[in-house]
């Protein structure tokens, strides 16, 4: 941004465009927040977007006169896209017009001229092209009424989705915690039933194996593995016990 925020504000006030630019900035900030930007980053990005969208007027241009009806926009050339879908999400269409307006709409002395070939990306639908032409003919209505309402809905939906994700993460963490607690309780009960001689032997084997392998085994892992081995030994003893007793 070549101008400071103060310089930009003073210029837009002198041009009679500050109110429109301020609304644009607020909508842009909400849009950036919806895309995941942090609050401070979204504010700075919104100022940058406003500076790009409201560049200094040329001598032939001037601020829009609210008392003069806006004239119909004209196309500099036919719409170049022939494979556009006829249906798209309306919020995506509005966002495309909002993002491309400064590129494709020229404030010429004879009126607003649309240069479709200057768009950085294809429109999402044929309806977006119609909306862009309408926005060029009704710029105030688009930026004052339509864009804030649509972006507010998008922002609200994004907040709801984020809240749902947070709830799902909390539920998953709770389930993991319950499973971890159940596993620890099971291991403790199992180890309590295993004779101390077996537990001591298992600890010695694990320590020897870890030392020779150059591995560090976490305490919980040792405890859990010891419980499993103890269970295995206990099962083997139960199987062999009847045979030994019969002899």
C-alpha atoms as a PDB file:
ATOM      1  CA  UNK A   1       0.000   0.000   0.000  1.00  0.00           C
ATOM      2  CA  UNK A   2       1.696   3.193  -1.211  1.00  0.00           C
ATOM      3  CA  UNK A   3      -0.389   5.516   0.964  1.00  0.00           C
ATOM      4  CA  UNK A   4      -0.509   5.490   4.733  1.00  0.00           C
ATOM      5  CA  UNK A   5      -3.853   4.743   6.323  1.00  0.00           C
ATOM      6  CA  UNK A   6      -4.293   8.422   7.205  1.00  0.00           C
ATOM      7  CA  UNK A   7      -3.424   9.545   3.670  1.00  0.00           C
ATOM      8  CA  UNK A   8      -5.764   6.958   2.174  1.00  0.00           C
ATOM      9  CA  UNK A   9      -8.610   8.008   4.471  1.00  0.00           C
ATOM     10  CA  UNK A  10      -8.132  11.722   3.738  1.00  0.00           C
ATOM     11  CA  UNK A  11      -7.997  11.120  -0.033  1.00  0.00           C
ATOM     12  CA  UNK A  12     -11.159   9.028  -0.035  1.00  0.00           C
ATOM     13  CA  UNK A  13     -12.951  11.668   2.047  1.00  0.00           C
ATOM     14  CA  UNK A  14     -11.863  14.354  -0.420  1.00  0.00           C
ATOM     15  CA  UNK A  15     -13.112  12.202  -3.304  1.00  0.00           C
ATOM     16  CA  UNK A  16     -16.431  11.660  -1.562  1.00  0.00           C
ATOM     17  CA  UNK A  17     -15.920   7.870  -1.505  1.00  0.00           C
ATOM     18  CA  UNK A  18     -15.003   7.224   2.142  1.00  0.00           C
ATOM     19  CA  UNK A  19     -18.393   5.843   3.203  1.00  0.00           C
ATOM     20  CA  UNK A  20     -18.441   3.342   0.320  1.00  0.00           C
ATOM     21  CA  UNK A  21     -14.783   2.417   0.866  1.00  0.00           C
ATOM     22  CA  UNK A  22     -15.319   1.894   4.611  1.00  0.00           C
ATOM     23  CA  UNK A  23     -18.167  -0.526   3.922  1.00  0.00           C
ATOM     24  CA  UNK A  24     -15.972  -2.325   1.388  1.00  0.00           C
ATOM     25  CA  UNK A  25     -13.182  -2.606   3.973  1.00  0.00           C
ATOM     26  CA  UNK A  26     -15.494  -4.042   6.615  1.00  0.00           C
ATOM     27  CA  UNK A  27     -16.881  -6.654   4.225  1.00  0.00           C
ATOM     28  CA  UNK A  28     -13.362  -7.571   3.115  1.00  0.00           C
ATOM     29  CA  UNK A  29     -12.262  -7.936   6.747  1.00  0.00           C
ATOM     30  CA  UNK A  30     -15.163 -10.315   7.452  1.00  0.00           C
ATOM     31  CA  UNK A  31     -14.318 -12.265   4.304  1.00  0.00           C
ATOM     32  CA  UNK A  32     -10.669 -12.658   5.344  1.00  0.00           C
ATOM     33  CA  UNK A  33     -11.718 -13.758   8.841  1.00  0.00           C
ATOM     34  CA  UNK A  34     -14.026 -16.371   7.326  1.00  0.00           C
ATOM     35  CA  UNK A  35     -11.050 -17.724   5.389  1.00  0.00           C
ATOM     36  CA  UNK A  36      -9.113 -18.328   8.610  1.00  0.00           C
ATOM     37  CA  UNK A  37      -7.002 -15.175   9.010  1.00  0.00           C
ATOM     38  CA  UNK A  38      -6.261 -13.895  12.495  1.00  0.00           C
ATOM     39  CA  UNK A  39      -8.008 -10.656  13.503  1.00  0.00           C
ATOM     40  CA  UNK A  40      -4.986  -8.357  13.088  1.00  0.00           C
ATOM     41  CA  UNK A  41      -3.999  -9.948   9.771  1.00  0.00           C
ATOM     42  CA  UNK A  42      -7.563  -9.612   8.461  1.00  0.00           C
ATOM     43  CA  UNK A  43      -7.633  -5.903   9.361  1.00  0.00           C
ATOM     44  CA  UNK A  44      -4.381  -5.221   7.514  1.00  0.00           C
ATOM     45  CA  UNK A  45      -5.466  -7.262   4.504  1.00  0.00           C
ATOM     46  CA  UNK A  46      -8.763  -5.347   4.405  1.00  0.00           C
ATOM     47  CA  UNK A  47      -6.909  -2.020   4.281  1.00  0.00           C
ATOM     48  CA  UNK A  48      -4.760  -3.357   1.435  1.00  0.00           C
ATOM     49  CA  UNK A  49      -7.827  -4.545  -0.446  1.00  0.00           C
ATOM     50  CA  UNK A  50      -9.543  -1.192  -0.004  1.00  0.00           C
ATOM     51  CA  UNK A  51      -6.476   0.663  -1.248  1.00  0.00           C
ATOM     52  CA  UNK A  52      -6.380  -1.526  -4.341  1.00  0.00           C
ATOM     53  CA  UNK A  53     -10.103  -1.245  -4.999  1.00  0.00           C
ATOM     54  CA  UNK A  54     -10.286   2.533  -4.456  1.00  0.00           C
ATOM     55  CA  UNK A  55      -7.281   3.865  -6.280  1.00  0.00           C
ATOM     56  CA  UNK A  56      -6.980   7.609  -6.987  1.00  0.00           C
ATOM     57  CA  UNK A  57      -9.499   8.881  -9.536  1.00  0.00           C
ATOM     58  CA  UNK A  58      -8.175  10.105 -12.858  1.00  0.00           C
ATOM     59  CA  UNK A  59      -8.998  13.559 -14.184  1.00  0.00           C
ATOM     60  CA  UNK A  60     -11.767  12.131 -16.354  1.00  0.00           C
ATOM     61  CA  UNK A  61     -13.359  10.344 -13.425  1.00  0.00           C
ATOM     62  CA  UNK A  62     -15.219  11.633 -10.457  1.00  0.00           C
ATOM     63  CA  UNK A  63     -17.171  10.479  -7.439  1.00  0.00           C
ATOM     64  CA  UNK A  64     -20.568   8.983  -8.149  1.00  0.00           C
ATOM     65  CA  UNK A  65     -23.369  11.524  -7.867  1.00  0.00           C
ATOM     66  CA  UNK A  66     -26.171   9.922  -5.784  1.00  0.00           C
ATOM     67  CA  UNK A  67     -28.753  12.158  -7.459  1.00  0.00           C
ATOM     68  CA  UNK A  68     -27.873  10.974 -10.955  1.00  0.00           C
ATOM     69  CA  UNK A  69     -29.184   7.518 -12.019  1.00  0.00           C
ATOM     70  CA  UNK A  70     -26.397   5.081 -12.849  1.00  0.00           C
ATOM     71  CA  UNK A  71     -26.139   4.356 -16.561  1.00  0.00           C
ATOM     72  CA  UNK A  72     -26.178   0.902 -18.129  1.00  0.00           C
ATOM     73  CA  UNK A  73     -22.762  -0.721 -18.350  1.00  0.00           C
ATOM     74  CA  UNK A  74     -21.340  -1.714 -21.719  1.00  0.00           C
ATOM     75  CA  UNK A  75     -19.074  -4.604 -22.681  1.00  0.00           C
ATOM     76  CA  UNK A  76     -15.723  -3.791 -24.235  1.00  0.00           C
ATOM     77  CA  UNK A  77     -15.902  -7.212 -25.929  1.00  0.00           C
ATOM     78  CA  UNK A  78     -18.213 -10.250 -25.810  1.00  0.00           C
ATOM     79  CA  UNK A  79     -17.996 -12.574 -22.809  1.00  0.00           C
ATOM     80  CA  UNK A  80     -15.114 -14.966 -23.686  1.00  0.00           C
ATOM     81  CA  UNK A  81     -16.263 -17.994 -21.690  1.00  0.00           C
ATOM     82  CA  UNK A  82     -18.466 -20.516 -23.456  1.00  0.00           C
ATOM     83  CA  UNK A  83     -18.337 -23.454 -21.042  1.00  0.00           C
ATOM     84  CA  UNK A  84     -19.585 -21.840 -17.834  1.00  0.00           C
ATOM     85  CA  UNK A  85     -22.123 -23.758 -15.733  1.00  0.00           C
ATOM     86  CA  UNK A  86     -25.519 -22.155 -15.396  1.00  0.00           C
ATOM     87  CA  UNK A  87     -25.803 -22.870 -11.666  1.00  0.00           C
ATOM     88  CA  UNK A  88     -23.423 -21.994  -8.811  1.00  0.00           C
ATOM     89  CA  UNK A  89     -23.625 -21.037  -5.171  1.00  0.00           C
ATOM     90  CA  UNK A  90     -24.867 -17.445  -5.010  1.00  0.00           C
ATOM     91  CA  UNK A  91     -22.310 -16.520  -2.364  1.00  0.00           C
ATOM     92  CA  UNK A  92     -19.539 -17.678  -4.731  1.00  0.00           C
ATOM     93  CA  UNK A  93     -20.999 -15.534  -7.502  1.00  0.00           C
ATOM     94  CA  UNK A  94     -21.144 -12.475  -5.241  1.00  0.00           C
ATOM     95  CA  UNK A  95     -17.588 -13.115  -4.008  1.00  0.00           C
ATOM     96  CA  UNK A  96     -16.312 -13.379  -7.598  1.00  0.00           C
ATOM     97  CA  UNK A  97     -17.906 -10.056  -8.560  1.00  0.00           C
ATOM     98  CA  UNK A  98     -16.514  -8.457  -5.391  1.00  0.00           C
ATOM     99  CA  UNK A  99     -12.989  -9.740  -6.075  1.00  0.00           C
ATOM    100  CA  UNK A 100     -12.954  -9.004  -9.822  1.00  0.00           C
ATOM    101  CA  UNK A 101     -14.837  -5.701  -9.929  1.00  0.00           C
ATOM    102  CA  UNK A 102     -11.738  -3.517  -9.747  1.00  0.00           C
ATOM    103  CA  UNK A 103     -10.144  -5.522 -12.559  1.00  0.00           C
ATOM    104  CA  UNK A 104     -12.958  -5.786 -15.052  1.00  0.00           C
ATOM    105  CA  UNK A 105     -14.987  -2.577 -14.569  1.00  0.00           C
ATOM    106  CA  UNK A 106     -13.519   0.609 -16.030  1.00  0.00           C
ATOM    107  CA  UNK A 107     -14.832   3.974 -14.897  1.00  0.00           C
ATOM    108  CA  UNK A 108     -14.671   5.606 -18.336  1.00  0.00           C
ATOM    109  CA  UNK A 109     -15.954   9.105 -19.179  1.00  0.00           C
ATOM    110  CA  UNK A 110     -18.738   7.547 -21.273  1.00  0.00           C
ATOM    111  CA  UNK A 111     -19.799   5.295 -18.405  1.00  0.00           C
ATOM    112  CA  UNK A 112     -18.745   1.988 -16.902  1.00  0.00           C
ATOM    113  CA  UNK A 113     -17.175  -0.452 -19.346  1.00  0.00           C
ATOM    114  CA  UNK A 114     -16.728  -4.145 -18.537  1.00  0.00           C
ATOM    115  CA  UNK A 115     -13.516  -5.828 -19.703  1.00  0.00           C
ATOM    116  CA  UNK A 116     -14.213  -9.526 -19.188  1.00  0.00           C
ATOM    117  CA  UNK A 117     -10.750 -10.525 -20.398  1.00  0.00           C
ATOM    118  CA  UNK A 118      -9.132  -8.756 -17.432  1.00  0.00           C
ATOM    119  CA  UNK A 119     -10.604 -11.168 -14.878  1.00  0.00           C
ATOM    120  CA  UNK A 120      -7.924 -13.120 -13.020  1.00  0.00           C
ATOM    121  CA  UNK A 121     -10.111 -16.252 -12.794  1.00  0.00           C
ATOM    122  CA  UNK A 122     -13.175 -17.553 -14.609  1.00  0.00           C
ATOM    123  CA  UNK A 123     -16.554 -16.753 -13.098  1.00  0.00           C
ATOM    124  CA  UNK A 124     -18.274 -19.657 -11.329  1.00  0.00           C
ATOM    125  CA  UNK A 125     -21.352 -19.440 -13.584  1.00  0.00           C
ATOM    126  CA  UNK A 126     -23.132 -17.454 -16.244  1.00  0.00           C
ATOM    127  CA  UNK A 127     -25.126 -15.925 -13.407  1.00  0.00           C
ATOM    128  CA  UNK A 128     -21.927 -14.355 -12.052  1.00  0.00           C
ATOM    129  CA  UNK A 129     -21.511 -12.521 -15.368  1.00  0.00           C
ATOM    130  CA  UNK A 130     -25.059 -11.201 -15.148  1.00  0.00           C
ATOM    131  CA  UNK A 131     -24.432 -10.175 -11.548  1.00  0.00           C
ATOM    132  CA  UNK A 132     -21.214  -8.379 -12.535  1.00  0.00           C
ATOM    133  CA  UNK A 133     -23.076  -6.375 -15.176  1.00  0.00           C
ATOM    134  CA  UNK A 134     -25.791  -5.525 -12.643  1.00  0.00           C
ATOM    135  CA  UNK A 135     -23.155  -4.515 -10.057  1.00  0.00           C
ATOM    136  CA  UNK A 136     -21.480  -2.252 -12.625  1.00  0.00           C
ATOM    137  CA  UNK A 137     -24.829  -0.553 -13.238  1.00  0.00           C
ATOM    138  CA  UNK A 138     -25.764  -0.492  -9.533  1.00  0.00           C
ATOM    139  CA  UNK A 139     -22.451  -0.235  -7.715  1.00  0.00           C
ATOM    140  CA  UNK A 140     -23.892   1.450  -4.628  1.00  0.00           C
ATOM    141  CA  UNK A 141     -26.628  -1.150  -4.205  1.00  0.00           C
ATOM    142  CA  UNK A 142     -24.146  -3.999  -4.675  1.00  0.00           C
ATOM    143  CA  UNK A 143     -21.606  -2.746  -2.117  1.00  0.00           C
ATOM    144  CA  UNK A 144     -24.060  -1.211   0.331  1.00  0.00           C
ATOM    145  CA  UNK A 145     -26.798  -3.822   0.383  1.00  0.00           C
ATOM    146  CA  UNK A 146     -26.058  -7.119  -1.354  1.00  0.00           C
ATOM    147  CA  UNK A 147     -22.397  -7.741  -0.490  1.00  0.00           C
ATOM    148  CA  UNK A 148     -22.653  -7.052   3.277  1.00  0.00           C
ATOM    149  CA  UNK A 149     -25.722  -9.285   3.628  1.00  0.00           C
ATOM    150  CA  UNK A 150     -24.210 -12.202   1.713  1.00  0.00           C
ATOM    151  CA  UNK A 151     -20.836 -11.969   3.457  1.00  0.00           C
ATOM    152  CA  UNK A 152     -22.571 -11.772   6.841  1.00  0.00           C
ATOM    153  CA  UNK A 153     -24.319 -15.049   6.059  1.00  0.00           C
ATOM    154  CA  UNK A 154     -21.037 -16.606   4.924  1.00  0.00           C
ATOM    155  CA  UNK A 155     -19.285 -15.405   8.082  1.00  0.00           C
ATOM    156  CA  UNK A 156     -22.095 -16.766  10.248  1.00  0.00           C
ATOM    157  CA  UNK A 157     -21.949 -20.140   8.495  1.00  0.00           C
ATOM    158  CA  UNK A 158     -18.170 -20.270   8.924  1.00  0.00           C
ATOM    159  CA  UNK A 159     -18.511 -19.583  12.664  1.00  0.00           C
ATOM    160  CA  UNK A 160     -21.111 -22.357  12.983  1.00  0.00           C
ATOM    161  CA  UNK A 161     -18.868 -24.816  11.136  1.00  0.00           C
ATOM    162  CA  UNK A 162     -15.909 -23.841  13.327  1.00  0.00           C
ATOM    163  CA  UNK A 163     -18.033 -24.381  16.452  1.00  0.00           C
ATOM    164  CA  UNK A 164     -19.087 -27.812  15.155  1.00  0.00           C
ATOM    165  CA  UNK A 165     -15.451 -28.752  14.562  1.00  0.00           C
ATOM    166  CA  UNK A 166     -14.559 -27.678  18.106  1.00  0.00           C
ATOM    167  CA  UNK A 167     -17.416 -29.761  19.541  1.00  0.00           C
ATOM    168  CA  UNK A 168     -16.357 -32.810  17.509  1.00  0.00           C
ATOM    169  CA  UNK A 169     -12.758 -32.449  18.688  1.00  0.00           C
ATOM    170  CA  UNK A 170     -13.909 -32.230  22.305  1.00  0.00           C
ATOM    171  CA  UNK A 171     -16.029 -35.353  21.869  1.00  0.00           C
ATOM    172  CA  UNK A 172     -13.119 -37.234  20.309  1.00  0.00           C
ATOM    173  CA  UNK A 173     -10.794 -36.144  23.139  1.00  0.00           C
ATOM    174  CA  UNK A 174     -13.370 -37.283  25.698  1.00  0.00           C
ATOM    175  CA  UNK A 175     -13.698 -40.688  24.023  1.00  0.00           C
ATOM    176  CA  UNK A 176      -9.920 -41.073  23.904  1.00  0.00           C
ATOM    177  CA  UNK A 177      -9.706 -40.155  27.554  1.00  0.00           C
ATOM    178  CA  UNK A 178     -12.308 -42.760  28.507  1.00  0.00           C
ATOM    179  CA  UNK A 179     -10.546 -45.458  26.471  1.00  0.00           C
ATOM    180  CA  UNK A 180      -7.194 -44.532  27.973  1.00  0.00           C
ATOM    181  CA  UNK A 181      -8.651 -44.711  31.472  1.00  0.00           C
ATOM    182  CA  UNK A 182     -10.282 -48.083  30.764  1.00  0.00           C
ATOM    183  CA  UNK A 183      -7.030 -49.463  29.352  1.00  0.00           C
ATOM    184  CA  UNK A 184      -5.022 -48.251  32.346  1.00  0.00           C
ATOM    185  CA  UNK A 185      -7.557 -49.727  34.765  1.00  0.00           C
ATOM    186  CA  UNK A 186      -7.524 -53.047  32.915  1.00  0.00           C
ATOM    187  CA  UNK A 187      -3.719 -53.141  32.966  1.00  0.00           C
ATOM    188  CA  UNK A 188      -3.598 -52.354  36.681  1.00  0.00           C
ATOM    189  CA  UNK A 189      -6.113 -55.092  37.528  1.00  0.00           C
ATOM    190  CA  UNK A 190      -4.267 -57.573  35.346  1.00  0.00           C
ATOM    191  CA  UNK A 191      -0.893 -56.781  36.866  1.00  0.00           C
ATOM    192  CA  UNK A 192      -2.351 -57.113  40.371  1.00  0.00           C
ATOM    193  CA  UNK A 193      -3.392 -60.690  39.548  1.00  0.00           C
ATOM    194  CA  UNK A 194       0.019 -61.614  38.119  1.00  0.00           C
ATOM    195  CA  UNK A 195       2.517 -63.131  40.578  1.00  0.00           C
ATOM    196  CA  UNK A 196       5.365 -60.842  41.590  1.00  0.00           C
ATOM    197  CA  UNK A 197       7.959 -63.340  40.309  1.00  0.00           C
ATOM    198  CA  UNK A 198       6.493 -63.132  36.803  1.00  0.00           C
ATOM    199  CA  UNK A 199       6.324 -59.336  36.931  1.00  0.00           C
ATOM    200  CA  UNK A 200       9.926 -59.125  38.058  1.00  0.00           C
ATOM    201  CA  UNK A 201      11.035 -61.479  35.273  1.00  0.00           C
ATOM    202  CA  UNK A 202       9.128 -59.468  32.673  1.00  0.00           C
ATOM    203  CA  UNK A 203      10.757 -56.228  33.900  1.00  0.00           C
ATOM    204  CA  UNK A 204      14.216 -57.815  33.708  1.00  0.00           C
ATOM    205  CA  UNK A 205      13.612 -59.099  30.164  1.00  0.00           C
ATOM    206  CA  UNK A 206      12.301 -55.719  29.000  1.00  0.00           C
ATOM    207  CA  UNK A 207      15.197 -53.812  30.535  1.00  0.00           C
ATOM    208  CA  UNK A 208      17.747 -56.217  29.033  1.00  0.00           C
ATOM    209  CA  UNK A 209      16.087 -56.120  25.588  1.00  0.00           C
ATOM    210  CA  UNK A 210      15.807 -52.320  25.608  1.00  0.00           C
ATOM    211  CA  UNK A 211      19.435 -51.939  26.668  1.00  0.00           C
ATOM    212  CA  UNK A 212      20.730 -54.260  23.957  1.00  0.00           C
ATOM    213  CA  UNK A 213      18.528 -52.582  21.323  1.00  0.00           C
ATOM    214  CA  UNK A 214      19.418 -49.069  22.342  1.00  0.00           C
ATOM    215  CA  UNK A 215      15.754 -48.162  22.851  1.00  0.00           C
ATOM    216  CA  UNK A 216      13.999 -46.097  25.484  1.00  0.00           C
ATOM    217  CA  UNK A 217      10.635 -47.573  26.417  1.00  0.00           C
ATOM    218  CA  UNK A 218       8.162 -45.203  28.130  1.00  0.00           C
ATOM    219  CA  UNK A 219       6.996 -46.291  31.559  1.00  0.00           C
ATOM    220  CA  UNK A 220       3.371 -46.660  30.449  1.00  0.00           C
ATOM    221  CA  UNK A 221       4.441 -48.843  27.538  1.00  0.00           C
ATOM    222  CA  UNK A 222       6.471 -51.066  29.867  1.00  0.00           C
ATOM    223  CA  UNK A 223       3.546 -51.352  32.216  1.00  0.00           C
ATOM    224  CA  UNK A 224       1.106 -52.198  29.421  1.00  0.00           C
ATOM    225  CA  UNK A 225       3.444 -54.709  27.794  1.00  0.00           C
ATOM    226  CA  UNK A 226       4.135 -56.313  31.143  1.00  0.00           C
ATOM    227  CA  UNK A 227       0.404 -56.697  31.712  1.00  0.00           C
ATOM    228  CA  UNK A 228      -0.034 -58.435  28.355  1.00  0.00           C
ATOM    229  CA  UNK A 229       2.894 -60.795  28.965  1.00  0.00           C
ATOM    230  CA  UNK A 230       1.635 -61.495  32.471  1.00  0.00           C
ATOM    231  CA  UNK A 231      -1.783 -62.381  31.061  1.00  0.00           C
ATOM    232  CA  UNK A 232      -0.162 -64.698  28.519  1.00  0.00           C
ATOM    233  CA  UNK A 233       1.876 -66.474  31.196  1.00  0.00           C
ATOM    234  CA  UNK A 234      -1.181 -66.750  33.442  1.00  0.00           C
ATOM    235  CA  UNK A 235      -3.200 -68.339  30.617  1.00  0.00           C
ATOM    236  CA  UNK A 236      -0.400 -70.835  29.945  1.00  0.00           C
ATOM    237  CA  UNK A 237      -0.279 -71.799  33.609  1.00  0.00           C
ATOM    238  CA  UNK A 238      -4.025 -72.388  33.636  1.00  0.00           C
ATOM    239  CA  UNK A 239      -3.717 -74.674  30.627  1.00  0.00           C
ATOM    240  CA  UNK A 240      -0.809 -76.646  32.096  1.00  0.00           C
ATOM    241  CA  UNK A 241      -2.172 -76.816  35.625  1.00  0.00           C
ATOM    242  CA  UNK A 242      -4.696 -79.705  35.053  1.00  0.00           C
ATOM    243  CA  UNK A 243      -2.049 -81.857  33.331  1.00  0.00           C
ATOM    244  CA  UNK A 244       0.420 -81.313  36.107  1.00  0.00           C
ATOM    245  CA  UNK A 245      -2.174 -82.134  38.732  1.00  0.00           C
ATOM    246  CA  UNK A 246      -3.115 -85.399  37.023  1.00  0.00           C
ATOM    247  CA  UNK A 247       0.429 -86.675  37.083  1.00  0.00           C
END
